[in-house]
Amino acid sequence: MRVHPPASDHGTMEPTLTLYSIRINGHLGPTALSAFPAMVSQRQGGQTVLTGLLPDRSALYGVLDEIEALGLDLVELRKLVPRRRSSEPGDSR
């Protein structure tokens, strides 16, 4: 019996980048922020918000593992959905 590899344009999945926002209690310093190179940080009140595009769930779990390993207080995790642009003028969706 012959085994055929899948065609290059068939059966493969392209990685889909997903935008996440992660809110952590407190202000993170440069050393703690260096644990999240794929994320952009922003201070909001007494919290730090990390935002970034992650290629898959394992990357997200890696970020969450770092948060736990550093003993940080996770407040919120959001998967952000980009707004769809309307093709019709005047449609405010």
Protein backbone atom coordinates (compact mmCIF):
# COMPACT_ATOMS: atom_id res chain seq x y z
CA MET A 1 0.00 0.00 0.00
CA ARG A 2 1.32 3.43 -0.94
CA VAL A 3 1.17 6.36 1.42
CA HIS A 4 0.85 9.80 -0.14
CA PRO A 5 1.77 12.95 1.76
CA PRO A 6 -0.91 15.64 1.74
CA ALA A 7 -0.74 18.22 -1.00
CA SER A 8 0.91 21.46 0.03
CA ASP A 9 -2.34 23.43 -0.28
CA HIS A 10 -4.57 20.77 1.22
CA GLY A 11 -4.89 19.57 4.76
CA THR A 12 -2.66 22.13 6.44
CA MET A 13 -3.76 24.76 8.85
CA GLU A 14 -2.31 28.25 8.86
CA PRO A 15 -1.67 29.62 12.35
CA THR A 16 -4.25 32.20 13.28
CA LEU A 17 -3.08 35.06 15.45
CA THR A 18 -5.51 35.96 18.20
CA LEU A 19 -5.49 39.23 20.12
CA TYR A 20 -5.63 38.92 23.91
CA SER A 21 -5.83 41.42 26.74
CA ILE A 22 -4.63 40.29 30.16
CA ARG A 23 -5.19 42.47 33.23
CA ILE A 24 -2.91 42.01 36.23
CA ASN A 25 -3.11 43.67 39.66
CA GLY A 26 -0.27 46.07 40.34
CA HIS A 27 2.36 47.76 38.22
CA LEU A 28 4.92 45.45 36.66
CA GLY A 29 8.52 46.60 36.46
CA PRO A 30 10.92 46.02 33.57
CA THR A 31 12.16 42.69 34.96
CA ALA A 32 8.65 41.20 35.25
CA LEU A 33 7.63 42.63 31.87
CA SER A 34 10.63 40.94 30.24
CA ALA A 35 8.83 37.62 30.85
CA PHE A 36 6.20 38.67 28.28
CA PRO A 37 8.10 39.63 25.11
CA ALA A 38 5.08 39.09 22.85
CA MET A 39 2.92 41.47 24.87
CA VAL A 40 2.67 45.26 25.07
CA SER A 41 2.09 46.67 28.55
CA GLN A 42 0.02 49.63 29.66
CA ARG A 43 -0.73 50.91 33.15
CA GLN A 44 -4.39 51.51 33.94
CA GLY A 45 -5.06 52.72 37.44
CA GLY A 46 -3.42 50.28 39.83
CA GLN A 47 -3.21 47.54 37.22
CA THR A 48 -1.09 46.49 34.25
CA VAL A 49 -2.75 45.44 31.01
CA LEU A 50 -0.79 43.16 28.68
CA THR A 51 -2.04 43.08 25.10
CA GLY A 52 -0.69 41.01 22.24
CA LEU A 53 -1.22 38.68 19.32
CA LEU A 54 -0.63 35.05 20.18
CA PRO A 55 -0.43 32.29 17.56
CA ASP A 56 -2.24 29.53 19.44
CA ARG A 57 -3.53 28.29 22.78
CA SER A 58 -0.18 26.92 23.85
CA ALA A 59 1.30 30.43 23.57
CA LEU A 60 -1.57 31.76 25.69
CA TYR A 61 -1.03 29.01 28.27
CA GLY A 62 2.67 29.89 28.28
CA VAL A 63 1.82 33.50 29.19
CA LEU A 64 -0.58 32.32 31.89
CA ASP A 65 2.09 29.96 33.26
CA GLU A 66 4.54 32.89 33.50
CA ILE A 67 1.92 34.94 35.37
CA GLU A 68 1.47 32.08 37.84
CA ALA A 69 5.21 31.43 38.17
CA LEU A 70 5.82 35.09 39.01
CA GLY A 71 3.04 35.03 41.61
CA LEU A 72 1.08 37.76 39.85
CA ASP A 73 -2.61 38.37 40.51
CA LEU A 74 -4.55 37.74 37.28
CA VAL A 75 -7.66 39.94 37.21
CA GLU A 76 -9.02 39.40 33.71
CA LEU A 77 -8.31 37.60 30.45
CA ARG A 78 -10.09 38.73 27.31
CA LYS A 79 -9.99 37.45 23.77
CA LEU A 80 -10.44 40.58 21.70
CA VAL A 81 -12.42 40.38 18.48
CA PRO A 82 -11.57 42.98 15.84
CA ARG A 83 -14.47 45.11 14.74
CA ARG A 84 -15.73 44.35 11.27
CA ARG A 85 -15.74 47.26 8.92
CA SER A 86 -19.00 47.85 7.16
CA SER A 87 -19.02 47.90 3.38
CA GLU A 88 -21.98 50.27 3.30
CA PRO A 89 -21.57 53.98 3.96
CA GLY A 90 -23.48 55.18 6.99
CA ASP A 91 -23.60 51.74 8.59
CA SER A 92 -22.16 52.29 12.06
CA ARG A 93 -21.46 48.64 12.98
